[in-house]
Protein backbone atom coordinates (compact mmCIF):
# COMPACT_ATOMS: atom_id res chain seq x y z
CA UNK A 1 -3.37 -17.45 -10.26
CA UNK A 2 -0.71 -17.13 -7.57
CA UNK A 3 -1.89 -15.76 -4.25
CA UNK A 4 -0.41 -12.72 -2.53
CA UNK A 5 1.54 -13.91 0.50
CA UNK A 6 1.05 -11.79 3.62
CA UNK A 7 3.14 -11.77 6.80
CA UNK A 8 1.45 -10.45 9.96
CA UNK A 9 3.75 -8.71 12.45
CA UNK A 10 1.97 -7.61 15.61
CA UNK A 11 2.45 -8.37 19.30
CA UNK A 12 -1.28 -8.96 19.88
CA UNK A 13 -2.19 -12.60 19.09
CA UNK A 14 -5.91 -11.82 18.97
CA UNK A 15 -5.39 -9.12 16.34
CA UNK A 16 -3.16 -11.41 14.28
CA UNK A 17 -5.81 -14.12 14.42
CA UNK A 18 -8.53 -11.70 13.34
CA UNK A 19 -6.43 -10.38 10.46
CA UNK A 20 -5.55 -13.91 9.36
CA UNK A 21 -9.23 -14.92 9.22
CA UNK A 22 -10.07 -11.91 7.05
CA UNK A 23 -7.12 -12.36 4.71
CA UNK A 24 -7.31 -16.13 4.26
CA UNK A 25 -10.97 -15.85 3.31
CA UNK A 26 -9.94 -14.13 0.06
CA UNK A 27 -9.11 -16.34 -2.96
CA UNK A 28 -6.14 -14.19 -4.02
CA UNK A 29 -4.59 -13.66 -0.57
CA UNK A 30 -2.97 -15.97 1.97
CA UNK A 31 -1.20 -15.53 5.30
CA UNK A 32 2.27 -17.07 5.00
CA UNK A 33 3.52 -16.29 8.49
CA UNK A 34 3.06 -14.46 11.77
CA UNK A 35 5.49 -12.61 14.04
CA UNK A 36 5.02 -11.33 17.58
CA UNK A 37 7.88 -8.82 17.48
CA UNK A 38 10.20 -7.06 15.06
CA UNK A 39 12.99 -9.62 15.33
CA UNK A 40 10.60 -12.41 14.41
CA UNK A 41 9.30 -10.30 11.53
CA UNK A 42 12.79 -9.92 10.08
CA UNK A 43 13.49 -13.64 10.43
CA UNK A 44 10.10 -14.63 9.00
CA UNK A 45 10.51 -12.27 6.06
CA UNK A 46 13.90 -13.76 5.21
CA UNK A 47 12.60 -17.30 5.49
CA UNK A 48 9.21 -16.92 3.80
CA UNK A 49 9.77 -14.06 1.30
CA UNK A 50 6.24 -12.62 1.72
CA UNK A 51 4.82 -10.24 -0.85
CA UNK A 52 3.36 -7.86 1.74
CA UNK A 53 4.05 -7.40 5.46
CA UNK A 54 1.51 -5.82 7.80
CA UNK A 55 3.90 -4.27 10.33
CA UNK A 56 2.90 -2.93 13.73
CA UNK A 57 5.03 -0.04 15.01
CA UNK A 58 5.22 -0.70 18.74
CA UNK A 59 6.50 -4.22 19.40
CA UNK A 60 8.91 -5.76 21.94
CA UNK A 61 12.55 -6.68 21.30
CA UNK A 62 12.71 -4.87 17.98
CA UNK A 63 10.11 -2.28 17.01
CA UNK A 64 8.42 -2.08 13.64
CA UNK A 65 10.58 0.82 12.46
CA UNK A 66 13.84 -1.03 13.00
CA UNK A 67 12.37 -4.19 11.49
CA UNK A 68 11.18 -2.26 8.43
CA UNK A 69 14.61 -0.70 8.00
CA UNK A 70 16.36 -4.08 8.14
CA UNK A 71 13.95 -5.76 5.75
CA UNK A 72 14.06 -2.95 3.20
CA UNK A 73 17.86 -2.89 3.35
CA UNK A 74 18.04 -6.57 2.37
CA UNK A 75 18.46 -6.89 -1.43
CA UNK A 76 16.97 -10.37 -1.28
CA UNK A 77 13.70 -8.84 -0.03
CA UNK A 78 13.50 -6.01 -2.55
CA UNK A 79 10.15 -7.30 -3.86
CA UNK A 80 8.60 -7.26 -0.40
CA UNK A 81 6.27 -4.35 0.43
CA UNK A 82 5.63 -3.17 3.98
CA UNK A 83 2.36 -1.68 5.16
CA UNK A 84 2.65 -0.13 8.61
CA UNK A 85 -0.18 -0.58 11.08
CA UNK A 86 -0.92 2.51 13.16
CA UNK A 87 -3.37 3.46 15.89
CA UNK A 88 -3.50 7.09 14.80
CA UNK A 89 -3.62 8.80 11.41
CA UNK A 90 -0.73 11.07 12.36
CA UNK A 91 1.26 8.67 14.48
CA UNK A 92 4.66 10.16 15.35
CA UNK A 93 6.41 7.21 13.72
CA UNK A 94 4.69 7.22 10.33
CA UNK A 95 7.23 9.48 8.61
CA UNK A 96 10.14 7.43 9.95
CA UNK A 97 8.46 4.22 8.77
CA UNK A 98 8.00 5.56 5.27
CA UNK A 99 11.55 6.84 5.22
CA UNK A 100 12.77 3.42 6.33
CA UNK A 101 11.16 1.89 3.26
CA UNK A 102 7.51 1.22 4.10
CA UNK A 103 5.03 1.74 1.28
CA UNK A 104 2.33 3.32 3.42
CA UNK A 105 0.29 2.88 6.54
CA UNK A 106 -3.12 1.63 7.57
CA UNK A 107 -5.21 2.47 10.60
CA UNK A 108 -5.90 -0.51 12.84
CA UNK A 109 -9.58 0.35 12.93
CA UNK A 110 -9.88 0.22 9.14
CA UNK A 111 -12.79 -1.69 7.65
CA UNK A 112 -11.98 -5.24 6.46
CA UNK A 113 -12.59 -4.28 2.82
CA UNK A 114 -10.17 -1.37 3.17
CA UNK A 115 -7.55 -3.68 4.65
CA UNK A 116 -7.87 -6.09 1.74
CA UNK A 117 -7.74 -3.26 -0.80
CA UNK A 118 -4.66 -1.84 0.92
CA UNK A 119 -2.84 -5.17 0.71
CA UNK A 120 -3.60 -5.54 -2.99
CA UNK A 121 -2.67 -1.95 -3.81
CA UNK A 122 0.56 -2.18 -1.82
CA UNK A 123 1.47 -5.37 -3.66
CA UNK A 124 0.98 -3.56 -6.96
CA UNK A 125 3.44 -0.89 -5.83
CA UNK A 126 0.84 1.83 -5.39
CA UNK A 127 0.72 4.32 -2.55
CA UNK A 128 -1.85 3.33 0.02
CA UNK A 129 -3.45 6.78 0.01
CA UNK A 130 -4.38 9.21 -2.71
CA UNK A 131 -1.30 11.33 -3.51
CA UNK A 132 -2.74 14.49 -1.91
CA UNK A 133 -3.45 12.70 1.38
CA UNK A 134 0.00 11.14 1.42
CA UNK A 135 1.56 14.53 0.76
CA UNK A 136 -0.22 16.13 3.72
CA UNK A 137 0.90 13.27 5.93
CA UNK A 138 4.55 13.50 4.93
CA UNK A 139 4.48 17.30 5.12
CA UNK A 140 3.40 17.08 8.75
CA UNK A 141 6.59 15.24 9.67
CA UNK A 142 9.00 16.93 7.33
CA UNK A 143 7.99 20.21 9.01
CA UNK A 144 9.55 18.97 12.24
CA UNK A 145 13.28 19.73 12.75
CA UNK A 146 15.40 16.86 11.40
CA UNK A 147 19.00 18.09 11.22
CA UNK A 148 20.39 14.75 10.12
CA UNK A 149 18.04 14.20 7.19
CA UNK A 150 20.00 13.83 3.96
CA UNK A 151 18.86 15.54 0.77
CA UNK A 152 17.82 13.38 -2.14
CA UNK A 153 20.47 13.11 -4.91
CA UNK A 154 18.58 15.30 -7.38
CA UNK A 155 21.81 16.22 -9.19
CA UNK A 156 21.46 13.01 -11.19
CA UNK A 157 18.02 14.03 -12.50
CA UNK A 158 17.18 15.79 -15.74
CA UNK A 159 15.27 19.06 -15.64
CA UNK A 160 12.09 17.28 -16.68
CA UNK A 161 12.53 14.60 -14.02
CA UNK A 162 12.91 17.31 -11.39
CA UNK A 163 9.64 18.83 -12.61
CA UNK A 164 7.88 15.47 -12.38
CA UNK A 165 9.31 14.77 -8.92
CA UNK A 166 8.18 18.19 -7.72
CA UNK A 167 4.64 17.56 -8.92
CA UNK A 168 4.62 14.11 -7.33
CA UNK A 169 5.67 15.73 -4.06
CA UNK A 170 2.85 18.21 -4.52
CA UNK A 171 0.34 15.39 -4.54
CA UNK A 172 -0.57 15.34 -8.24
CA UNK A 173 -1.73 12.15 -9.92
CA UNK A 174 -0.23 10.89 -13.17
CA UNK A 175 -3.10 12.40 -15.16
CA UNK A 176 -2.66 15.76 -13.42
CA UNK A 177 1.11 15.73 -14.03
CA UNK A 178 0.53 14.98 -17.70
CA UNK A 179 -1.88 17.89 -17.99
CA UNK A 180 0.42 20.29 -16.12
CA UNK A 181 3.44 19.46 -18.30
CA UNK A 182 1.45 18.92 -21.50
CA UNK A 183 2.81 15.42 -22.00
CA UNK A 184 1.18 12.01 -22.23
CA UNK A 185 0.44 9.81 -19.22
CA UNK A 186 2.68 7.17 -20.79
CA UNK A 187 5.56 9.68 -20.74
CA UNK A 188 4.82 10.52 -17.11
CA UNK A 189 5.02 6.83 -16.22
CA UNK A 190 8.33 6.59 -18.05
CA UNK A 191 9.73 9.50 -16.04
CA UNK A 192 8.52 7.91 -12.82
CA UNK A 193 10.27 4.67 -13.73
CA UNK A 194 13.51 6.62 -14.22
CA UNK A 195 13.00 8.48 -10.93
CA UNK A 196 12.48 5.24 -9.03
CA UNK A 197 15.72 3.86 -10.46
CA UNK A 198 17.85 6.99 -10.01
CA UNK A 199 16.64 7.75 -6.48
CA UNK A 200 16.58 4.07 -5.51
CA UNK A 201 13.00 4.52 -4.37
CA UNK A 202 10.73 1.54 -3.85
CA UNK A 203 7.47 3.25 -4.79
CA UNK A 204 5.63 6.54 -5.12
CA UNK A 205 5.58 7.07 -1.35
CA UNK A 206 9.36 7.18 -1.36
CA UNK A 207 9.33 9.68 -4.23
CA UNK A 208 7.12 12.01 -2.20
CA UNK A 209 9.62 11.87 0.65
CA UNK A 210 12.51 12.43 -1.77
CA UNK A 211 10.80 15.56 -3.07
CA UNK A 212 10.46 16.94 0.46
CA UNK A 213 13.98 15.94 1.47
CA UNK A 214 15.40 17.68 -1.59
CA UNK A 215 13.52 20.88 -0.77
CA UNK A 216 11.47 20.72 -3.97
CA UNK A 217 8.25 20.88 -1.97
CA UNK A 218 7.61 22.81 1.23
CA UNK A 219 5.19 21.75 3.97
CA UNK A 220 1.89 23.54 3.74
């Protein structure tokens, strides 16, 4: 069984060492590199092609947001998933990180077992949080004025895909979407696959943001 390669990007050596000890203790995980700032994270990602990057937001030279944006814009790193590390649950940069391509975020005071679960779930392409929690998080930031935010290209979607995207933005799980539209879960997954391709979204987190950006869902 191949191990999930993790890159640690944080400007605190002690934290990186602690994270590395926790991660390397797992049989299916391994730390493949460390970076003390965003520029090093970008270079290390290009050189090592990690599966998951734990990315701090506030770092010298190049912050985690800019590093995330550069990594996610590189086609060669399309399989790489970024999990942002944050001090606060509603950190002012979380929305921007997700919009830049991150798959989710994790609190730095999370329990070790939650950290390990987050890495595995992120690698599988899942959202780090339950859909309803992610929706509340994104809604908090979408509510703020952002005059330069571009709307998602929903014109390319079918009527059914728009319905599915709206429900995703509303925080519904696949089972709940299937029940609401009276279709099978397999059909829901098929629609999600099409949405990811048409909207060029990396994962479900990006679909939630697309739903908000397109005005399909309003902040609560």
